[in-house]
Amino acid sequence: MSGRDRGQAAKKRKYRSDGTPIWSRASIDGPGVWVSCVRGKEKAVVGELYDLFESIAGDLWPLQGTRGSGEDDGADDGGGGDAVGGDDADDLEAQIKKEVAAIKRPRTEQRFANCQTNTQCVVFISCKPPVDPIKLVTTHVENVRRTGVTHTKYVLRLVPVTGSCVANLPEIRSLCQRTLSKWTEENPIPKDEPDKKHRYKIELRIRNHNTVPRMDLIQAVAGCVPDSFQVDLHNPDVFILIEVFKAVCGVSIVRDYYRMLKYNVMELAQSKASEKDAEAETSRVQSSGAKVKQAEVAQAEAGGESVPPFEDPQIGEGTVEP
């Protein structure tokens, strides 16, 4: 193709099929996860997230041939099963092979990539198909809420986005329309409830951006919402997340955003720790009360004179004075 032909082709690609213009490609693009982290620990966070995301993605979207290659290795080494500790050795060898294969995996097969933000406390990890950033993040935060274990040391908050665009109103409208259209197709209104509406709220966060006013952004997004949605600022079941960072805008639609404490894994872990502390304290008080009751019963059975209970501000009512 000559230079003139390439130039004409580039001009033809400046507009999408819906008529919206295509602006210059940003360094941060596509689906991914925005991450807030501890200041000065951005590089460490990238390493933490690579390990964490690969572990979750390996369970949700196993690489083709991974399981089959493991079975083949086991079949080839099956003759060595008579040796003492052969099973343990085979498991260790299989694990080493798996890790080496992951290290040697071609770059084109890497499912996650760090995109430079050149900003403290902010990291963006892009995700390649078939990885779904929303499913990836919700799986992790649900695990953190249930167990209280974050598996990371410096990560504060995770925000998944299903798509990104240049942060101007035409591009944002186009991205919101595509995202909402796909979501409504995957989450239709039940046929037996034709009058039901999706109660939604727009969660907008703007960082290092002062080009488009906040209210203009909210109105632009609200104008893209279909009729099957209804605004509910107090009890929404659907959240439209809009993340604007410098010249990039990311969009996603999620549920249970407040129940998951806005995907702040540190707060989720602290909440779980507080629950465990409260349960432990309740158990301790119940155990102490049971021991006191047993002592009173034993004393009564022995025919001895009961010692009246006393009230101590540190120990509590009902404790027998020694």
Protein backbone atom coordinates (compact mmCIF):
# COMPACT_ATOMS: atom_id res chain seq x y z
CA MET A 1 0.00 0.00 0.00
CA SER A 2 1.41 3.40 -1.00
CA GLY A 3 1.73 6.29 1.39
CA ARG A 4 -1.22 8.04 -0.26
CA ASP A 5 -3.45 4.97 0.17
CA ARG A 6 -2.48 4.63 3.80
CA GLY A 7 -3.32 8.28 4.36
CA GLN A 8 -6.74 7.87 2.78
CA ALA A 9 -7.39 4.74 4.87
CA ALA A 10 -6.45 6.63 8.03
CA LYS A 11 -8.90 9.38 7.12
CA LYS A 12 -11.68 6.85 6.63
CA ARG A 13 -11.04 5.43 10.10
CA LYS A 14 -11.61 8.76 11.85
CA TYR A 15 -15.31 8.05 12.32
CA ARG A 16 -17.15 5.06 13.75
CA SER A 17 -20.20 3.45 12.18
CA ASP A 18 -22.44 5.49 14.50
CA GLY A 19 -20.90 8.75 13.30
CA THR A 20 -18.83 9.52 16.39
CA PRO A 21 -15.25 10.64 15.73
CA ILE A 22 -12.27 8.50 16.68
CA TRP A 23 -9.65 10.56 18.47
CA SER A 24 -5.98 9.81 18.88
CA ARG A 25 -5.25 6.60 20.79
CA ALA A 26 -4.39 7.12 24.47
CA SER A 27 -1.59 5.29 26.26
CA ILE A 28 -4.22 3.92 28.67
CA ASP A 29 -6.80 2.09 26.64
CA GLY A 30 -9.29 -0.75 26.71
CA PRO A 31 -10.72 -2.73 29.62
CA GLY A 32 -8.72 -2.83 32.81
CA VAL A 33 -8.55 -2.00 36.50
CA TRP A 34 -7.79 1.34 38.11
CA VAL A 35 -5.89 0.90 41.37
CA SER A 36 -5.34 3.30 44.25
CA CYS A 37 -2.31 2.39 46.35
CA VAL A 38 0.08 3.58 49.03
CA ARG A 39 2.29 6.45 47.91
CA GLY A 40 5.70 5.35 46.65
CA LYS A 41 4.71 1.67 46.35
CA GLU A 42 3.46 1.73 42.76
CA LYS A 43 6.07 -0.72 41.43
CA ALA A 44 5.46 -3.14 44.29
CA VAL A 45 1.72 -2.93 43.65
CA VAL A 46 2.17 -3.88 40.00
CA GLY A 47 4.00 -7.04 41.06
CA GLU A 48 1.35 -7.85 43.67
CA LEU A 49 -1.45 -7.45 41.15
CA TYR A 50 0.25 -9.54 38.47
CA ASP A 51 0.45 -12.45 40.90
CA LEU A 52 -3.05 -11.92 42.27
CA PHE A 53 -4.79 -11.42 38.92
CA GLU A 54 -3.01 -14.34 37.28
CA SER A 55 -4.10 -16.58 40.15
CA ILE A 56 -7.75 -15.52 39.88
CA ALA A 57 -7.77 -15.56 36.08
CA GLY A 58 -6.22 -19.04 36.09
CA ASP A 59 -9.31 -20.29 37.91
CA LEU A 60 -11.89 -18.27 35.97
CA TRP A 61 -10.35 -18.45 32.49
CA PRO A 62 -7.86 -21.34 32.32
CA LEU A 63 -5.42 -21.16 29.43
CA GLN A 64 -6.15 -23.71 26.72
CA GLY A 65 -3.93 -26.75 26.92
CA THR A 66 -2.73 -26.08 30.46
CA ARG A 67 -4.67 -28.92 32.01
CA GLY A 68 -4.03 -31.27 29.08
CA SER A 69 -0.28 -30.75 29.20
CA GLY A 70 -0.29 -31.55 32.91
CA GLU A 71 -2.16 -34.81 32.27
CA ASP A 72 0.28 -35.77 29.53
CA ASP A 73 3.22 -35.15 31.82
CA GLY A 74 1.63 -37.33 34.46
CA ALA A 75 1.06 -40.13 31.96
CA ASP A 76 4.65 -40.01 30.73
CA ASP A 77 6.04 -40.14 34.25
CA GLY A 78 3.64 -42.78 35.44
CA GLY A 79 6.32 -45.50 35.39
CA GLY A 80 8.15 -43.87 38.27
CA GLY A 81 5.33 -44.33 40.75
CA ASP A 82 7.09 -47.23 42.51
CA ALA A 83 9.76 -44.96 43.95
CA VAL A 84 9.37 -43.74 47.52
CA GLY A 85 7.81 -40.25 47.55
CA GLY A 86 7.24 -40.43 43.78
CA ASP A 87 3.86 -38.67 43.97
CA ASP A 88 5.33 -35.72 45.87
CA ALA A 89 8.19 -35.47 43.42
CA ASP A 90 5.78 -35.55 40.47
CA ASP A 91 3.64 -32.81 42.02
CA LEU A 92 6.68 -30.63 42.64
CA GLU A 93 7.99 -31.21 39.12
CA ALA A 94 4.59 -30.38 37.62
CA GLN A 95 4.41 -27.16 39.63
CA ILE A 96 7.89 -26.12 38.52
CA LYS A 97 7.00 -26.83 34.88
CA LYS A 98 3.86 -24.73 35.22
CA GLU A 99 5.78 -21.78 36.66
CA VAL A 100 8.49 -22.00 34.01
CA ALA A 101 5.85 -22.13 31.27
CA ALA A 102 4.20 -19.01 32.70
CA ILE A 103 7.55 -17.18 32.70
CA LYS A 104 8.33 -18.23 29.12
CA ARG A 105 4.82 -17.43 27.86
CA PRO A 106 4.97 -15.16 24.78
CA ARG A 107 4.13 -11.54 25.38
CA THR A 108 1.07 -11.87 23.16
CA GLU A 109 -0.38 -14.34 25.64
CA GLN A 110 0.12 -12.11 28.68
CA ARG A 111 -3.33 -11.30 29.99
CA PHE A 112 -2.33 -8.26 32.06
CA ALA A 113 -0.14 -5.27 31.34
CA ASN A 114 0.83 -2.24 33.38
CA CYS A 115 0.06 1.08 31.68
CA GLN A 116 2.17 4.01 32.83
CA THR A 117 0.15 6.71 34.61
CA ASN A 118 3.14 8.82 35.70
CA THR A 119 1.20 9.66 38.86
CA GLN A 120 1.78 8.67 42.46
CA CYS A 121 -0.76 6.37 44.11
CA VAL A 122 -2.41 5.47 40.78
CA VAL A 123 -1.89 2.29 38.73
CA PHE A 124 -3.76 0.97 35.70
CA ILE A 125 -3.61 -2.71 34.75
CA SER A 126 -5.08 -3.45 31.32
CA CYS A 127 -6.84 -6.78 30.75
CA LYS A 128 -6.91 -8.77 27.54
CA PRO A 129 -9.74 -11.09 26.46
CA PRO A 130 -11.19 -13.31 27.72
CA VAL A 131 -10.53 -11.60 31.07
CA ASP A 132 -13.52 -9.57 32.30
CA PRO A 133 -12.29 -6.82 34.68
CA ILE A 134 -15.60 -6.66 36.53
CA LYS A 135 -15.75 -10.39 37.20
CA LEU A 136 -12.05 -10.36 38.11
CA VAL A 137 -12.41 -7.58 40.69
CA THR A 138 -15.76 -8.68 42.13
CA THR A 139 -14.39 -12.19 42.65
CA HIS A 140 -11.43 -10.78 44.56
CA VAL A 141 -13.37 -8.31 46.72
CA GLU A 142 -15.94 -10.99 47.56
CA ASN A 143 -13.11 -13.23 48.74
CA VAL A 144 -11.69 -10.38 50.83
CA ARG A 145 -15.10 -9.65 52.36
CA ARG A 146 -15.57 -13.32 53.24
CA THR A 147 -12.08 -14.11 54.53
CA GLY A 148 -10.54 -10.76 55.48
CA VAL A 149 -7.37 -11.65 53.50
CA THR A 150 -6.34 -9.13 50.80
CA HIS A 151 -3.33 -11.04 49.37
CA THR A 152 -1.79 -7.60 48.78
CA LYS A 153 0.11 -5.24 51.03
CA TYR A 154 -0.19 -1.83 49.39
CA VAL A 155 -3.40 -1.94 47.33
CA LEU A 156 -6.19 0.27 48.66
CA ARG A 157 -9.00 0.34 46.10
CA LEU A 158 -9.81 -1.37 42.81
CA VAL A 159 -12.14 0.01 40.13
CA PRO A 160 -12.80 -2.13 37.04
CA VAL A 161 -13.67 -0.53 33.70
CA THR A 162 -15.04 -2.41 30.70
CA GLY A 163 -13.84 0.24 28.27
CA SER A 164 -11.80 3.42 28.02
CA CYS A 165 -11.82 6.45 25.78
CA VAL A 166 -10.49 9.97 25.44
CA ALA A 167 -12.06 12.18 28.09
CA ASN A 168 -14.24 14.41 25.92
CA LEU A 169 -18.02 14.46 25.70
CA PRO A 170 -18.48 12.84 22.24
CA GLU A 171 -16.21 9.90 23.13
CA ILE A 172 -17.74 9.48 26.58
CA ARG A 173 -21.26 9.43 25.14
CA SER A 174 -20.28 6.83 22.57
CA LEU A 175 -18.59 4.61 25.16
CA CYS A 176 -21.53 4.88 27.58
CA GLN A 177 -24.03 3.99 24.85
CA ARG A 178 -22.05 0.90 23.84
CA THR A 179 -21.54 -0.18 27.46
CA LEU A 180 -25.18 0.31 28.45
CA SER A 181 -26.47 -1.40 25.32
CA LYS A 182 -24.38 -4.49 25.98
CA TRP A 183 -25.32 -4.56 29.68
CA THR A 184 -29.05 -4.32 29.01
CA GLU A 185 -28.81 -7.18 26.53
CA GLU A 186 -27.11 -9.34 29.14
CA ASN A 187 -29.48 -8.22 31.94
CA PRO A 188 -32.96 -7.89 30.40
CA ILE A 189 -36.07 -6.96 32.35
CA PRO A 190 -38.03 -10.15 33.27
CA LYS A 191 -40.97 -10.75 30.94
CA ASP A 192 -43.30 -11.30 33.89
CA GLU A 193 -42.31 -7.85 35.28
CA PRO A 194 -42.56 -5.51 32.28
CA ASP A 195 -42.89 -2.41 34.47
CA LYS A 196 -39.76 -3.11 36.48
CA LYS A 197 -36.91 -0.63 36.19
CA HIS A 198 -33.19 -0.88 36.91
CA ARG A 199 -32.58 1.55 39.78
CA TYR A 200 -29.27 3.23 39.05
CA LYS A 201 -26.87 5.83 40.34
CA ILE A 202 -23.92 7.46 38.60
CA GLU A 203 -20.67 7.29 40.57
CA LEU A 204 -18.27 9.79 39.03
CA ARG A 205 -14.69 10.31 40.13
CA ILE A 206 -12.42 12.87 38.45
CA ARG A 207 -8.67 13.08 39.03
CA ASN A 208 -6.13 15.37 37.40
CA HIS A 209 -8.70 16.59 34.89
CA ASN A 210 -10.24 20.05 34.53
CA THR A 211 -11.32 20.16 30.89
CA VAL A 212 -14.90 18.91 31.09
CA PRO A 213 -17.03 20.22 34.01
CA ARG A 214 -18.42 17.64 36.40
CA MET A 215 -22.09 18.47 35.79
CA ASP A 216 -21.61 18.31 32.02
CA LEU A 217 -20.18 14.81 32.43
CA ILE A 218 -23.08 13.67 34.61
CA GLN A 219 -25.65 15.07 32.19
CA ALA A 220 -23.90 13.45 29.23
CA VAL A 221 -23.89 10.04 30.92
CA ALA A 222 -27.50 10.39 32.11
CA GLY A 223 -28.55 11.21 28.56
CA CYS A 224 -27.25 7.82 27.39
CA VAL A 225 -29.25 5.80 29.93
CA PRO A 226 -32.15 3.86 28.34
CA ASP A 227 -35.78 4.01 29.47
CA SER A 228 -35.47 0.71 31.35
CA PHE A 229 -33.42 2.56 34.00
CA GLN A 230 -34.69 4.78 36.79
CA VAL A 231 -32.62 7.12 38.96
CA ASP A 232 -32.42 6.10 42.62
CA LEU A 233 -29.82 7.95 44.66
CA HIS A 234 -30.70 6.27 47.97
CA ASN A 235 -31.21 2.58 47.18
CA PRO A 236 -29.75 1.78 43.73
CA ASP A 237 -29.16 -1.77 42.56
CA VAL A 238 -27.00 -0.73 39.60
CA PHE A 239 -24.04 1.64 39.67
CA ILE A 240 -22.60 3.32 36.58
CA LEU A 241 -18.95 3.96 37.42
CA ILE A 242 -17.23 6.77 35.55
CA GLU A 243 -13.49 7.12 36.19
CA VAL A 244 -11.83 10.17 34.65
CA PHE A 245 -8.07 10.39 34.98
CA LYS A 246 -6.19 13.08 33.06
CA ALA A 247 -7.27 12.63 29.42
CA VAL A 248 -8.76 9.13 29.85
CA CYS A 249 -12.27 8.08 30.84
CA GLY A 250 -13.29 4.55 31.90
CA VAL A 251 -16.83 3.21 32.24
CA SER A 252 -18.34 0.14 33.92
CA ILE A 253 -21.66 -1.05 35.33
CA VAL A 254 -21.62 -3.00 38.59
CA ARG A 255 -23.85 -4.16 41.44
CA ASP A 256 -23.34 -4.22 45.23
CA TYR A 257 -20.91 -1.33 45.03
CA TYR A 258 -21.75 0.06 48.46
CA ARG A 259 -22.03 -3.37 50.09
CA MET A 260 -18.47 -4.02 48.89
CA LEU A 261 -17.38 -0.67 50.40
CA LYS A 262 -16.65 0.79 46.97
CA TYR A 263 -14.15 -2.03 46.30
CA ASN A 264 -11.77 -0.75 48.97
CA VAL A 265 -10.03 -3.97 49.96
CA MET A 266 -8.32 -2.42 52.98
CA GLU A 267 -11.65 -1.37 54.48
CA LEU A 268 -13.18 -4.75 53.68
CA ALA A 269 -10.34 -6.51 55.48
CA GLN A 270 -10.59 -4.17 58.47
CA SER A 271 -14.36 -4.70 58.61
CA LYS A 272 -13.88 -8.47 58.65
CA ALA A 273 -11.23 -8.16 61.38
CA SER A 274 -13.64 -6.07 63.47
CA GLU A 275 -16.33 -8.74 63.04
CA LYS A 276 -13.91 -11.43 64.20
CA ASP A 277 -12.89 -9.33 67.23
CA ALA A 278 -16.55 -8.78 68.16
CA GLU A 279 -17.29 -12.49 67.83
CA ALA A 280 -14.26 -13.36 69.95
CA GLU A 281 -15.33 -10.88 72.64
CA THR A 282 -18.87 -12.28 72.67
CA SER A 283 -17.52 -15.80 72.94
CA ARG A 284 -15.20 -14.77 75.81
CA VAL A 285 -18.05 -13.15 77.75
CA GLN A 286 -20.30 -16.16 77.24
CA SER A 287 -17.51 -18.51 78.31
CA SER A 288 -16.81 -16.42 81.44
CA GLY A 289 -20.51 -16.42 82.35
CA ALA A 290 -20.73 -20.18 81.89
CA LYS A 291 -17.74 -20.74 84.20
CA VAL A 292 -19.29 -18.54 86.90
CA LYS A 293 -22.57 -20.44 86.66
CA GLN A 294 -20.74 -23.77 86.95
CA ALA A 295 -18.92 -22.54 90.05
CA GLU A 296 -22.19 -21.51 91.68
CA VAL A 297 -23.83 -24.86 90.90
CA ALA A 298 -20.83 -26.79 92.23
CA GLN A 299 -20.84 -24.76 95.43
CA ALA A 300 -24.57 -25.34 95.95
CA GLU A 301 -24.21 -29.07 95.37
CA ALA A 302 -21.39 -29.26 97.91
CA GLY A 303 -23.74 -27.80 100.53
CA GLY A 304 -21.48 -24.94 101.25
CA GLU A 305 -22.62 -21.41 101.99
CA SER A 306 -23.12 -19.36 98.86
CA VAL A 307 -21.01 -16.33 98.46
CA PRO A 308 -23.16 -13.46 97.19
CA PRO A 309 -22.15 -12.13 93.79
CA PHE A 310 -20.66 -8.69 93.62
CA GLU A 311 -20.56 -6.09 90.91
CA ASP A 312 -17.18 -5.05 89.58
CA PRO A 313 -16.86 -2.45 86.81
CA GLN A 314 -13.96 -4.33 85.23
CA ILE A 315 -15.29 -7.89 85.54
CA GLY A 316 -19.04 -7.43 85.39
CA GLU A 317 -22.10 -8.42 87.36
CA GLY A 318 -22.54 -12.02 88.46
CA THR A 319 -18.88 -12.90 89.06
CA VAL A 320 -18.21 -14.77 92.30
CA GLU A 321 -15.63 -13.08 94.53
CA PRO A 322 -12.79 -15.49 95.35
